PDB file of N, CA and C in Angstrom:
ATOM      1  N   MET A   1       0.842  -1.175   0.000  1.00  0.00           N
ATOM      2  CA  MET A   1       0.000   0.000   0.000  1.00  0.00           C
ATOM      3  C   MET A   1       0.891   1.243   0.000  1.00  0.00           C
ATOM      4  N   THR A   2       0.621   2.151  -0.905  1.00  0.00           N
ATOM      5  CA  THR A   2       1.377   3.395  -0.941  1.00  0.00           C
ATOM      6  C   THR A   2       0.460   4.551  -0.575  1.00  0.00           C
ATOM      7  N   THR A   3       1.049   5.518   0.067  1.00  0.00           N
ATOM      8  CA  THR A   3       0.291   6.722   0.378  1.00  0.00           C
ATOM      9  C   THR A   3       0.998   7.887  -0.274  1.00  0.00           C
ATOM     10  N   THR A   4       0.215   8.758  -0.861  1.00  0.00           N
ATOM     11  CA  THR A   4       0.773   9.944  -1.496  1.00  0.00           C
ATOM     12  C   THR A   4       0.873  11.045  -0.466  1.00  0.00           C
ATOM     13  N   LYS A   5       2.039  11.660  -0.397  1.00  0.00           N
ATOM     14  CA  LYS A   5       2.230  12.764   0.533  1.00  0.00           C
ATOM     15  C   LYS A   5       1.466  13.982   0.051  1.00  0.00           C
ATOM     16  N   THR A   6       1.018  14.783   1.010  1.00  0.00           N
ATOM     17  CA  THR A   6       0.361  16.036   0.664  1.00  0.00           C
ATOM     18  C   THR A   6       1.416  17.017   0.145  1.00  0.00           C
ATOM     19  N   ALA A   7       0.961  18.081  -0.463  1.00  0.00           N
ATOM     20  CA  ALA A   7       1.874  19.112  -0.952  1.00  0.00           C
ATOM     21  C   ALA A   7       2.696  19.678   0.211  1.00  0.00           C
ATOM     22  N   ARG A   8       2.070  19.894   1.338  1.00  0.00           N
ATOM     23  CA  ARG A   8       2.777  20.402   2.521  1.00  0.00           C
ATOM     24  C   ARG A   8       3.862  19.421   2.954  1.00  0.00           C
ATOM     25  N   GLU A   9       3.540  18.142   3.018  1.00  0.00           N
ATOM     26  CA  GLU A   9       4.526  17.132   3.419  1.00  0.00           C
ATOM     27  C   GLU A   9       5.686  17.062   2.428  1.00  0.00           C
ATOM     28  N   LEU A  10       5.384  17.177   1.140  1.00  0.00           N
ATOM     29  CA  LEU A  10       6.454  17.171   0.137  1.00  0.00           C
ATOM     30  C   LEU A  10       7.368  18.376   0.314  1.00  0.00           C
ATOM     31  N   ALA A  11       6.797  19.545   0.596  1.00  0.00           N
ATOM     32  CA  ALA A  11       7.608  20.743   0.824  1.00  0.00           C
ATOM     33  C   ALA A  11       8.478  20.562   2.064  1.00  0.00           C
ATOM     34  N   GLU A  12       7.911  20.004   3.116  1.00  0.00           N
ATOM     35  CA  GLU A  12       8.695  19.765   4.333  1.00  0.00           C
ATOM     36  C   GLU A  12       9.856  18.815   4.040  1.00  0.00           C
ATOM     37  N   THR A  13       9.596  17.746   3.307  1.00  0.00           N
ATOM     38  CA  THR A  13      10.644  16.788   2.952  1.00  0.00           C
ATOM     39  C   THR A  13      11.702  17.451   2.091  1.00  0.00           C
ATOM     40  N   TYR A  14      11.281  18.260   1.120  1.00  0.00           N
ATOM     41  CA  TYR A  14      12.195  18.970   0.220  1.00  0.00           C
ATOM     42  C   TYR A  14      13.189  19.813   1.017  1.00  0.00           C
ATOM     43  N   PHE A  15      12.684  20.652   1.916  1.00  0.00           N
ATOM     44  CA  PHE A  15      13.554  21.551   2.659  1.00  0.00           C
ATOM     45  C   PHE A  15      14.421  20.803   3.673  1.00  0.00           C
ATOM     46  N   THR A  16      13.858  19.806   4.340  1.00  0.00           N
ATOM     47  CA  THR A  16      14.635  19.014   5.295  1.00  0.00           C
ATOM     48  C   THR A  16      15.767  18.278   4.580  1.00  0.00           C
ATOM     49  N   ALA A  17      15.459  17.680   3.443  1.00  0.00           N
ATOM     50  CA  ALA A  17      16.474  16.932   2.680  1.00  0.00           C
ATOM     51  C   ALA A  17      17.542  17.871   2.137  1.00  0.00           C
ATOM     52  N   TRP A  18      17.147  19.021   1.611  1.00  0.00           N
ATOM     53  CA  TRP A  18      18.124  19.959   1.057  1.00  0.00           C
ATOM     54  C   TRP A  18      19.067  20.453   2.150  1.00  0.00           C
ATOM     55  N   GLU A  19      18.485  20.833   3.290  1.00  0.00           N
ATOM     56  CA  GLU A  19      19.308  21.328   4.394  1.00  0.00           C
ATOM     57  C   GLU A  19      20.292  20.252   4.873  1.00  0.00           C
ATOM     58  N   ALA A  20      19.870  18.993   4.849  1.00  0.00           N
ATOM     59  CA  ALA A  20      20.713  17.883   5.309  1.00  0.00           C
ATOM     60  C   ALA A  20      21.692  17.401   4.238  1.00  0.00           C
ATOM     61  N   GLY A  21      21.525  17.882   3.010  1.00  0.00           N
ATOM     62  CA  GLY A  21      22.367  17.401   1.917  1.00  0.00           C
ATOM     63  C   GLY A  21      21.992  16.003   1.471  1.00  0.00           C
ATOM     64  N   ASP A  22      20.755  15.603   1.712  1.00  0.00           N
ATOM     65  CA  ASP A  22      20.258  14.273   1.341  1.00  0.00           C
ATOM     66  C   ASP A  22      19.606  14.359  -0.043  1.00  0.00           C
ATOM     67  N   PHE A  23      20.439  14.259  -1.075  1.00  0.00           N
ATOM     68  CA  PHE A  23      19.939  14.459  -2.430  1.00  0.00           C
ATOM     69  C   PHE A  23      19.172  13.257  -2.966  1.00  0.00           C
ATOM     70  N   ASP A  24      19.323  12.088  -2.361  1.00  0.00           N
ATOM     71  CA  ASP A  24      18.491  10.947  -2.729  1.00  0.00           C
ATOM     72  C   ASP A  24      17.050  11.196  -2.286  1.00  0.00           C
ATOM     73  N   ALA A  25      16.883  11.679  -1.056  1.00  0.00           N
ATOM     74  CA  ALA A  25      15.538  12.008  -0.569  1.00  0.00           C
ATOM     75  C   ALA A  25      14.949  13.151  -1.377  1.00  0.00           C
ATOM     76  N   LEU A  26      15.771  14.114  -1.719  1.00  0.00           N
ATOM     77  CA  LEU A  26      15.319  15.250  -2.520  1.00  0.00           C
ATOM     78  C   LEU A  26      14.845  14.779  -3.883  1.00  0.00           C
ATOM     79  N   ARG A  27      15.598  13.882  -4.506  1.00  0.00           N
ATOM     80  CA  ARG A  27      15.210  13.311  -5.799  1.00  0.00           C
ATOM     81  C   ARG A  27      13.838  12.637  -5.696  1.00  0.00           C
ATOM     82  N   GLY A  28      13.568  12.036  -4.550  1.00  0.00           N
ATOM     83  CA  GLY A  28      12.317  11.311  -4.362  1.00  0.00           C
ATOM     84  C   GLY A  28      11.069  12.172  -4.367  1.00  0.00           C
ATOM     85  N   VAL A  29      11.197  13.474  -4.113  1.00  0.00           N
ATOM     86  CA  VAL A  29      10.014  14.338  -4.094  1.00  0.00           C
ATOM     87  C   VAL A  29       9.838  15.136  -5.385  1.00  0.00           C
ATOM     88  N   LEU A  30      10.872  15.126  -6.238  1.00  0.00           N
ATOM     89  CA  LEU A  30      10.810  15.910  -7.475  1.00  0.00           C
ATOM     90  C   LEU A  30      10.344  15.062  -8.656  1.00  0.00           C
ATOM     91  N   ALA A  31       9.497  15.659  -9.492  1.00  0.00           N
ATOM     92  CA  ALA A  31       9.083  15.000 -10.731  1.00  0.00           C
ATOM     93  C   ALA A  31      10.262  15.010 -11.708  1.00  0.00           C
ATOM     94  N   GLU A  32      10.314  14.033 -12.574  1.00  0.00           N
ATOM     95  CA  GLU A  32      11.390  13.958 -13.576  1.00  0.00           C
ATOM     96  C   GLU A  32      11.472  15.237 -14.398  1.00  0.00           C
ATOM     97  N   ASN A  33      10.314  15.834 -14.677  1.00  0.00           N
ATOM     98  CA  ASN A  33      10.265  17.030 -15.528  1.00  0.00           C
ATOM     99  C   ASN A  33      10.094  18.313 -14.713  1.00  0.00           C
ATOM    100  N   VAL A  34      10.573  18.320 -13.479  1.00  0.00           N
ATOM    101  CA  VAL A  34      10.427  19.498 -12.621  1.00  0.00           C
ATOM    102  C   VAL A  34      10.993  20.730 -13.334  1.00  0.00           C
ATOM    103  N   ASP A  35      10.280  21.833 -13.167  1.00  0.00           N
ATOM    104  CA  ASP A  35      10.649  23.097 -13.794  1.00  0.00           C
ATOM    105  C   ASP A  35      10.947  24.096 -12.677  1.00  0.00           C
ATOM    106  N   PHE A  36      12.179  24.594 -12.638  1.00  0.00           N
ATOM    107  CA  PHE A  36      12.624  25.489 -11.577  1.00  0.00           C
ATOM    108  C   PHE A  36      13.022  26.830 -12.167  1.00  0.00           C
ATOM    109  N   VAL A  37      12.531  27.916 -11.549  1.00  0.00           N
ATOM    110  CA  VAL A  37      12.951  29.268 -11.912  1.00  0.00           C
ATOM    111  C   VAL A  37      13.201  30.013 -10.608  1.00  0.00           C
ATOM    112  N   GLY A  38      14.427  30.545 -10.482  1.00  0.00           N
ATOM    113  CA  GLY A  38      14.779  31.250  -9.263  1.00  0.00           C
ATOM    114  C   GLY A  38      15.655  32.453  -9.538  1.00  0.00           C
ATOM    115  N   ALA A  39      16.046  33.120  -8.474  1.00  0.00           N
ATOM    116  CA  ALA A  39      16.836  34.336  -8.587  1.00  0.00           C
ATOM    117  C   ALA A  39      18.236  34.081  -9.153  1.00  0.00           C
ATOM    118  N   LEU A  40      18.724  32.850  -9.023  1.00  0.00           N
ATOM    119  CA  LEU A  40      20.069  32.527  -9.503  1.00  0.00           C
ATOM    120  C   LEU A  40      20.078  31.713 -10.791  1.00  0.00           C
ATOM    121  N   GLY A  41      18.890  31.376 -11.317  1.00  0.00           N
ATOM    122  CA  GLY A  41      18.881  30.642 -12.576  1.00  0.00           C
ATOM    123  C   GLY A  41      17.632  29.815 -12.780  1.00  0.00           C
ATOM    124  N   LYS A  42      17.675  29.036 -13.850  1.00  0.00           N
ATOM    125  CA  LYS A  42      16.574  28.164 -14.240  1.00  0.00           C
ATOM    126  C   LYS A  42      17.098  26.743 -14.375  1.00  0.00           C
ATOM    127  N   ALA A  43      16.198  25.790 -14.199  1.00  0.00           N
ATOM    128  CA  ALA A  43      16.552  24.384 -14.393  1.00  0.00           C
ATOM    129  C   ALA A  43      15.347  23.655 -14.978  1.00  0.00           C
ATOM    130  N   SER A  44      15.621  22.831 -15.961  1.00  0.00           N
ATOM    131  CA  SER A  44      14.575  22.002 -16.565  1.00  0.00           C
ATOM    132  C   SER A  44      14.938  20.543 -16.340  1.00  0.00           C
ATOM    133  N   GLY A  45      14.088  19.845 -15.621  1.00  0.00           N
ATOM    134  CA  GLY A  45      14.322  18.439 -15.349  1.00  0.00           C
ATOM    135  C   GLY A  45      15.023  18.225 -14.021  1.00  0.00           C
ATOM    136  N   ILE A  46      14.883  17.016 -13.535  1.00  0.00           N
ATOM    137  CA  ILE A  46      15.355  16.684 -12.196  1.00  0.00           C
ATOM    138  C   ILE A  46      16.869  16.810 -12.054  1.00  0.00           C
ATOM    139  N   ASP A  47      17.633  16.413 -13.061  1.00  0.00           N
ATOM    140  CA  ASP A  47      19.090  16.457 -12.934  1.00  0.00           C
ATOM    141  C   ASP A  47      19.609  17.893 -12.862  1.00  0.00           C
ATOM    142  N   GLU A  48      19.066  18.781 -13.689  1.00  0.00           N
ATOM    143  CA  GLU A  48      19.465  20.195 -13.624  1.00  0.00           C
ATOM    144  C   GLU A  48      19.052  20.814 -12.297  1.00  0.00           C
ATOM    145  N   ALA A  49      17.847  20.495 -11.829  1.00  0.00           N
ATOM    146  CA  ALA A  49      17.367  21.049 -10.566  1.00  0.00           C
ATOM    147  C   ALA A  49      18.253  20.594  -9.408  1.00  0.00           C
ATOM    148  N   LEU A  50      18.594  19.310  -9.377  1.00  0.00           N
ATOM    149  CA  LEU A  50      19.454  18.806  -8.313  1.00  0.00           C
ATOM    150  C   LEU A  50      20.851  19.414  -8.386  1.00  0.00           C
ATOM    151  N   ALA A  51      21.363  19.613  -9.584  1.00  0.00           N
ATOM    152  CA  ALA A  51      22.686  20.229  -9.735  1.00  0.00           C
ATOM    153  C   ALA A  51      22.686  21.637  -9.142  1.00  0.00           C
ATOM    154  N   GLY A  52      21.632  22.402  -9.391  1.00  0.00           N
ATOM    155  CA  GLY A  52      21.528  23.739  -8.829  1.00  0.00           C
ATOM    156  C   GLY A  52      21.423  23.715  -7.313  1.00  0.00           C
ATOM    157  N   LEU A  53      20.617  22.797  -6.782  1.00  0.00           N
ATOM    158  CA  LEU A  53      20.465  22.685  -5.335  1.00  0.00           C
ATOM    159  C   LEU A  53      21.770  22.233  -4.679  1.00  0.00           C
ATOM    160  N   LYS A  54      22.493  21.346  -5.335  1.00  0.00           N
ATOM    161  CA  LYS A  54      23.797  20.911  -4.811  1.00  0.00           C
ATOM    162  C   LYS A  54      24.777  22.076  -4.815  1.00  0.00           C
ATOM    163  N   GLY A  55      24.756  22.880  -5.870  1.00  0.00           N
ATOM    164  CA  GLY A  55      25.661  24.021  -5.952  1.00  0.00           C
ATOM    165  C   GLY A  55      25.448  24.989  -4.809  1.00  0.00           C
ATOM    166  N   LEU A  56      24.210  25.364  -4.582  1.00  0.00           N
ATOM    167  CA  LEU A  56      23.916  26.271  -3.471  1.00  0.00           C
ATOM    168  C   LEU A  56      24.113  25.554  -2.134  1.00  0.00           C
ATOM    169  N   GLY A  57      23.913  24.248  -2.148  1.00  0.00           N
ATOM    170  CA  GLY A  57      24.105  23.454  -0.937  1.00  0.00           C
ATOM    171  C   GLY A  57      25.521  23.505  -0.392  1.00  0.00           C
ATOM    172  N   ARG A  58      26.490  23.817  -1.238  1.00  0.00           N
ATOM    173  CA  ARG A  58      27.887  23.899  -0.779  1.00  0.00           C
ATOM    174  C   ARG A  58      28.105  25.025   0.226  1.00  0.00           C
ATOM    175  N   VAL A  59      27.257  26.052   0.189  1.00  0.00           N
ATOM    176  CA  VAL A  59      27.384  27.160   1.131  1.00  0.00           C
ATOM    177  C   VAL A  59      26.195  27.251   2.096  1.00  0.00           C
ATOM    178  N   LEU A  60      25.219  26.353   1.934  1.00  0.00           N
ATOM    179  CA  LEU A  60      24.017  26.369   2.770  1.00  0.00           C
ATOM    180  C   LEU A  60      24.354  25.952   4.196  1.00  0.00           C
ATOM    181  N   GLU A  61      23.950  26.769   5.138  1.00  0.00           N
ATOM    182  CA  GLU A  61      24.138  26.437   6.550  1.00  0.00           C
ATOM    183  C   GLU A  61      22.826  26.054   7.222  1.00  0.00           C
ATOM    184  N   LYS A  62      21.755  26.756   6.859  1.00  0.00           N
ATOM    185  CA  LYS A  62      20.471  26.527   7.523  1.00  0.00           C
ATOM    186  C   LYS A  62      19.346  27.096   6.680  1.00  0.00           C
ATOM    187  N   ILE A  63      18.209  26.455   6.768  1.00  0.00           N
ATOM    188  CA  ILE A  63      16.973  26.977   6.190  1.00  0.00           C
ATOM    189  C   ILE A  63      16.048  27.247   7.370  1.00  0.00           C
ATOM    190  N   ASP A  64      15.865  28.511   7.677  1.00  0.00           N
ATOM    191  CA  ASP A  64      15.081  28.919   8.836  1.00  0.00           C
ATOM    192  C   ASP A  64      13.658  29.264   8.376  1.00  0.00           C
ATOM    193  N   VAL A  65      12.792  28.244   8.377  1.00  0.00           N
ATOM    194  CA  VAL A  65      11.416  28.414   7.903  1.00  0.00           C
ATOM    195  C   VAL A  65      10.635  29.281   8.886  1.00  0.00           C
ATOM    196  N   LYS A  66      10.009  30.307   8.344  1.00  0.00           N
ATOM    197  CA  LYS A  66       9.173  31.213   9.139  1.00  0.00           C
ATOM    198  C   LYS A  66       7.714  30.796   9.086  1.00  0.00           C
ATOM    199  N   VAL A  67       7.246  30.435   7.877  1.00  0.00           N
ATOM    200  CA  VAL A  67       5.860  30.002   7.718  1.00  0.00           C
ATOM    201  C   VAL A  67       5.735  29.192   6.426  1.00  0.00           C
ATOM    202  N   ARG A  68       4.811  28.256   6.448  1.00  0.00           N
ATOM    203  CA  ARG A  68       4.504  27.467   5.255  1.00  0.00           C
ATOM    204  C   ARG A  68       2.987  27.450   5.114  1.00  0.00           C
ATOM    205  N   VAL A  69       2.514  27.802   3.938  1.00  0.00           N
ATOM    206  CA  VAL A  69       1.080  27.851   3.672  1.00  0.00           C
ATOM    207  C   VAL A  69       0.789  26.917   2.505  1.00  0.00           C
ATOM    208  N   ALA A  70      -0.151  26.023   2.717  1.00  0.00           N
ATOM    209  CA  ALA A  70      -0.509  25.064   1.670  1.00  0.00           C
ATOM    210  C   ALA A  70      -1.999  25.155   1.384  1.00  0.00           C
ATOM    211  N   GLU A  71      -2.309  25.077   0.103  1.00  0.00           N
ATOM    212  CA  GLU A  71      -3.698  25.035  -0.337  1.00  0.00           C
ATOM    213  C   GLU A  71      -3.772  24.100  -1.524  1.00  0.00           C
ATOM    214  N   GLY A  72      -4.369  22.952  -1.326  1.00  0.00           N
ATOM    215  CA  GLY A  72      -4.451  21.966  -2.406  1.00  0.00           C
ATOM    216  C   GLY A  72      -3.064  21.533  -2.837  1.00  0.00           C
ATOM    217  N   ASP A  73      -2.763  21.711  -4.114  1.00  0.00           N
ATOM    218  CA  ASP A  73      -1.486  21.296  -4.690  1.00  0.00           C
ATOM    219  C   ASP A  73      -0.448  22.412  -4.707  1.00  0.00           C
ATOM    220  N   GLU A  74      -0.690  23.489  -3.990  1.00  0.00           N
ATOM    221  CA  GLU A  74       0.216  24.642  -3.973  1.00  0.00           C
ATOM    222  C   GLU A  74       0.768  24.847  -2.558  1.00  0.00           C
ATOM    223  N   VAL A  75       2.053  25.175  -2.472  1.00  0.00           N
ATOM    224  CA  VAL A  75       2.685  25.435  -1.175  1.00  0.00           C
ATOM    225  C   VAL A  75       3.608  26.644  -1.319  1.00  0.00           C
ATOM    226  N   ILE A  76       3.510  27.561  -0.387  1.00  0.00           N
ATOM    227  CA  ILE A  76       4.459  28.671  -0.312  1.00  0.00           C
ATOM    228  C   ILE A  76       5.173  28.568   1.022  1.00  0.00           C
ATOM    229  N   THR A  77       6.498  28.599   0.953  1.00  0.00           N
ATOM    230  CA  THR A  77       7.330  28.563   2.153  1.00  0.00           C
ATOM    231  C   THR A  77       8.124  29.865   2.210  1.00  0.00           C
ATOM    232  N   TRP A  78       8.013  30.562   3.328  1.00  0.00           N
ATOM    233  CA  TRP A  78       8.773  31.790   3.564  1.00  0.00           C
ATOM    234  C   TRP A  78       9.860  31.431   4.559  1.00  0.00           C
ATOM    235  N   PHE A  79      11.116  31.703   4.197  1.00  0.00           N
ATOM    236  CA  PHE A  79      12.222  31.306   5.052  1.00  0.00           C
ATOM    237  C   PHE A  79      13.418  32.227   4.882  1.00  0.00           C
ATOM    238  N   ASP A  80      14.342  32.145   5.839  1.00  0.00           N
ATOM    239  CA  ASP A  80      15.637  32.801   5.716  1.00  0.00           C
ATOM    240  C   ASP A  80      16.624  31.762   5.197  1.00  0.00           C
ATOM    241  N   LEU A  81      17.246  32.076   4.079  1.00  0.00           N
ATOM    242  CA  LEU A  81      18.271  31.226   3.483  1.00  0.00           C
ATOM    243  C   LEU A  81      19.602  31.640   4.109  1.00  0.00           C
ATOM    244  N   CYS A  82      20.124  30.801   4.982  1.00  0.00           N
ATOM    245  CA  CYS A  82      21.347  31.117   5.726  1.00  0.00           C
ATOM    246  C   CYS A  82      22.525  30.387   5.085  1.00  0.00           C
ATOM    247  N   THR A  83      23.512  31.171   4.659  1.00  0.00           N
ATOM    248  CA  THR A  83      24.684  30.601   3.993  1.00  0.00           C
ATOM    249  C   THR A  83      25.956  31.067   4.684  1.00  0.00           C
ATOM    250  N   SER A  84      27.059  30.451   4.292  1.00  0.00           N
ATOM    251  CA  SER A  84      28.358  30.811   4.867  1.00  0.00           C
ATOM    252  C   SER A  84      28.979  32.023   4.186  1.00  0.00           C
ATOM    253  N   VAL A  85      28.332  32.534   3.125  1.00  0.00           N
ATOM    254  CA  VAL A  85      28.946  33.618   2.342  1.00  0.00           C
ATOM    255  C   VAL A  85      28.170  34.924   2.359  1.00  0.00           C
ATOM    256  N   ALA A  86      27.002  34.956   3.015  1.00  0.00           N
ATOM    257  CA  ALA A  86      26.176  36.170   2.992  1.00  0.00           C
ATOM    258  C   ALA A  86      25.248  36.174   4.207  1.00  0.00           C
ATOM    259  N   PRO A  87      24.733  37.353   4.542  1.00  0.00           N
ATOM    260  CA  PRO A  87      23.721  37.409   5.611  1.00  0.00           C
ATOM    261  C   PRO A  87      22.480  36.616   5.192  1.00  0.00           C
ATOM    262  N   PRO A  88      21.652  36.197   6.146  1.00  0.00           N
ATOM    263  CA  PRO A  88      20.436  35.469   5.800  1.00  0.00           C
ATOM    264  C   PRO A  88      19.596  36.232   4.767  1.00  0.00           C
ATOM    265  N   ALA A  89      19.111  35.497   3.776  1.00  0.00           N
ATOM    266  CA  ALA A  89      18.310  36.092   2.703  1.00  0.00           C
ATOM    267  C   ALA A  89      16.844  35.693   2.871  1.00  0.00           C
ATOM    268  N   PRO A  90      15.957  36.668   3.177  1.00  0.00           N
ATOM    269  CA  PRO A  90      14.536  36.363   3.221  1.00  0.00           C
ATOM    270  C   PRO A  90      14.095  35.845   1.845  1.00  0.00           C
ATOM    271  N   THR A  91      13.433  34.686   1.832  1.00  0.00           N
ATOM    272  CA  THR A  91      13.160  33.970   0.585  1.00  0.00           C
ATOM    273  C   THR A  91      11.733  33.446   0.556  1.00  0.00           C
ATOM    274  N   ALA A  92      11.103  33.550  -0.608  1.00  0.00           N
ATOM    275  CA  ALA A  92       9.797  32.940  -0.834  1.00  0.00           C
ATOM    276  C   ALA A  92       9.960  31.839  -1.865  1.00  0.00           C
ATOM    277  N   ASN A  93       9.392  30.672  -1.576  1.00  0.00           N
ATOM    278  CA  ASN A  93       9.450  29.523  -2.461  1.00  0.00           C
ATOM    279  C   ASN A  93       8.030  29.025  -2.686  1.00  0.00           C
ATOM    280  N   TRP A  94       7.619  28.963  -3.959  1.00  0.00           N
ATOM    281  CA  TRP A  94       6.310  28.413  -4.321  1.00  0.00           C
ATOM    282  C   TRP A  94       6.530  27.099  -5.043  1.00  0.00           C
ATOM    283  N   MET A  95       5.752  26.090  -4.666  1.00  0.00           N
ATOM    284  CA  MET A  95       5.821  24.775  -5.305  1.00  0.00           C
ATOM    285  C   MET A  95       4.431  24.350  -5.750  1.00  0.00           C
ATOM    286  N   HIS A  96       4.414  23.666  -6.893  1.00  0.00           N
ATOM    287  CA  HIS A  96       3.186  23.041  -7.383  1.00  0.00           C
ATOM    288  C   HIS A  96       3.433  21.541  -7.431  1.00  0.00           C
ATOM    289  N   VAL A  97       2.447  20.774  -6.974  1.00  0.00           N
ATOM    290  CA  VAL A  97       2.553  19.325  -6.895  1.00  0.00           C
ATOM    291  C   VAL A  97       1.508  18.678  -7.803  1.00  0.00           C
ATOM    292  N   GLU A  98       1.940  17.649  -8.519  1.00  0.00           N
ATOM    293  CA  GLU A  98       1.032  16.818  -9.321  1.00  0.00           C
ATOM    294  C   GLU A  98       1.417  15.365  -9.123  1.00  0.00           C
ATOM    295  N   ASP A  99       0.435  14.507  -8.936  1.00  0.00           N
ATOM    296  CA  ASP A  99       0.657  13.071  -8.788  1.00  0.00           C
ATOM    297  C   ASP A  99       1.725  12.739  -7.745  1.00  0.00           C
ATOM    298  N   GLY A 100       1.718  13.462  -6.644  1.00  0.00           N
ATOM    299  CA  GLY A 100       2.611  13.169  -5.542  1.00  0.00           C
ATOM    300  C   GLY A 100       4.056  13.599  -5.720  1.00  0.00           C
ATOM    301  N   LYS A 101       4.325  14.466  -6.708  1.00  0.00           N
ATOM    302  CA  LYS A 101       5.684  14.956  -6.949  1.00  0.00           C
ATOM    303  C   LYS A 101       5.654  16.460  -7.190  1.00  0.00           C
ATOM    304  N   VAL A 102       6.742  17.124  -6.836  1.00  0.00           N
ATOM    305  CA  VAL A 102       6.878  18.562  -7.080  1.00  0.00           C
ATOM    306  C   VAL A 102       7.206  18.747  -8.565  1.00  0.00           C
ATOM    307  N   THR A 103       6.354  19.498  -9.265  1.00  0.00           N
ATOM    308  CA  THR A 103       6.545  19.693 -10.710  1.00  0.00           C
ATOM    309  C   THR A 103       7.040  21.090 -11.068  1.00  0.00           C
ATOM    310  N   ARG A 104       6.724  22.090 -10.246  1.00  0.00           N
ATOM    311  CA  ARG A 104       7.171  23.463 -10.517  1.00  0.00           C
ATOM    312  C   ARG A 104       7.625  24.116  -9.224  1.00  0.00           C
ATOM    313  N   ILE A 105       8.714  24.867  -9.340  1.00  0.00           N
ATOM    314  CA  ILE A 105       9.246  25.614  -8.195  1.00  0.00           C
ATOM    315  C   ILE A 105       9.612  27.005  -8.688  1.00  0.00           C
ATOM    316  N   ARG A 106       9.191  28.000  -7.945  1.00  0.00           N
ATOM    317  CA  ARG A 106       9.554  29.380  -8.208  1.00  0.00           C
ATOM    318  C   ARG A 106      10.101  29.951  -6.913  1.00  0.00           C
ATOM    319  N   VAL A 107      11.266  30.591  -6.987  1.00  0.00           N
ATOM    320  CA  VAL A 107      11.919  31.114  -5.798  1.00  0.00           C
ATOM    321  C   VAL A 107      12.304  32.566  -6.041  1.00  0.00           C
ATOM    322  N   THR A 108      12.054  33.401  -5.037  1.00  0.00           N
ATOM    323  CA  THR A 108      12.458  34.791  -5.165  1.00  0.00           C
ATOM    324  C   THR A 108      13.111  35.274  -3.881  1.00  0.00           C
ATOM    325  N   PHE A 109      14.219  35.998  -4.074  1.00  0.00           N
ATOM    326  CA  PHE A 109      14.943  36.667  -2.996  1.00  0.00           C
ATOM    327  C   PHE A 109      15.915  37.639  -3.651  1.00  0.00           C
ATOM    328  N   ASP A 110      16.501  38.494  -2.855  1.00  0.00           N
ATOM    329  CA  ASP A 110      17.503  39.434  -3.370  1.00  0.00           C
ATOM    330  C   ASP A 110      18.835  38.683  -3.433  1.00  0.00           C
ATOM    331  N   PRO A 111      19.341  38.368  -4.632  1.00  0.00           N
ATOM    332  CA  PRO A 111      20.558  37.559  -4.745  1.00  0.00           C
ATOM    333  C   PRO A 111      21.859  38.343  -4.592  1.00  0.00           C
ATOM    334  N   ARG A 112      21.786  39.671  -4.546  1.00  0.00           N
ATOM    335  CA  ARG A 112      23.019  40.477  -4.566  1.00  0.00           C
ATOM    336  C   ARG A 112      24.011  40.141  -3.451  1.00  0.00           C
ATOM    337  N   PRO A 113      23.590  40.027  -2.182  1.00  0.00           N
ATOM    338  CA  PRO A 113      24.574  39.680  -1.148  1.00  0.00           C
ATOM    339  C   PRO A 113      25.192  38.291  -1.367  1.00  0.00           C
ATOM    340  N   LEU A 114      24.393  37.354  -1.816  1.00  0.00           N
ATOM    341  CA  LEU A 114      24.890  36.000  -2.068  1.00  0.00           C
ATOM    342  C   LEU A 114      25.902  36.000  -3.224  1.00  0.00           C
ATOM    343  N   LEU A 115      25.577  36.707  -4.294  1.00  0.00           N
ATOM    344  CA  LEU A 115      26.489  36.793  -5.419  1.00  0.00           C
ATOM    345  C   LEU A 115      27.808  37.462  -5.010  1.00  0.00           C
ATOM    346  N   ALA A 116      27.720  38.512  -4.203  1.00  0.00           N
ATOM    347  CA  ALA A 116      28.931  39.171  -3.715  1.00  0.00           C
ATOM    348  C   ALA A 116      29.748  38.215  -2.845  1.00  0.00           C
ATOM    349  N   GLY A 117      29.072  37.412  -2.044  1.00  0.00           N
ATOM    350  CA  GLY A 117      29.751  36.429  -1.216  1.00  0.00           C
ATOM    351  C   GLY A 117      30.462  35.376  -2.033  1.00  0.00           C
ATOM    352  N   PHE A 118      29.850  34.959  -3.127  1.00  0.00           N
ATOM    353  CA  PHE A 118      30.496  33.991  -4.027  1.00  0.00           C
ATOM    354  C   PHE A 118      31.764  34.596  -4.626  1.00  0.00           C
ATOM    355  N   GLU A 119      31.689  35.878  -4.992  1.00  0.00           N
ATOM    356  CA  GLU A 119      32.850  36.539  -5.616  1.00  0.00           C
ATOM    357  C   GLU A 119      34.032  36.625  -4.658  1.00  0.00           C
ATOM    358  N   THR A 120      33.757  36.863  -3.384  1.00  0.00           N
ATOM    359  CA  THR A 120      34.856  36.973  -2.425  1.00  0.00           C
ATOM    360  C   THR A 120      35.488  35.615  -2.132  1.00  0.00           C
ATOM    361  N   GLN A 121      34.764  34.535  -2.419  1.00  0.00           N
ATOM    362  CA  GLN A 121      35.316  33.187  -2.238  1.00  0.00           C
ATOM    363  C   GLN A 121      36.269  32.812  -3.349  1.00  0.00           C
ATOM    364  N   SER A 122      36.104  33.413  -4.512  1.00  0.00           N
ATOM    365  CA  SER A 122      36.912  33.044  -5.681  1.00  0.00           C
ATOM    366  C   SER A 122      38.345  33.499  -5.561  1.00  0.00           C
TER     367      SER A 122
END
């Protein structure tokens, strides 16, 4: 017997797995054709999306969730993106779920401090 996770549960798993660096668990919640658009780029498909998450994961220290709102197949998570290269970035993440998998992700935040932090690492 299988149970399909709710959109809220998938979002919780997504953020917990990303913060922990558990990319196998992260792969498990994403649809093969996941479409990602964010402040630092775009990704089409699960492999591109995971590559982007792994890249940012190298400097990720914490995801400090402030609130998560779910309605049907839609979830918005408001959080502080805490990294080793910039001050915490207030971030909004919207996800759409179909057939028990995350199919679309849209993320918005001010990337300037993070980009400056990357430059000082080089």
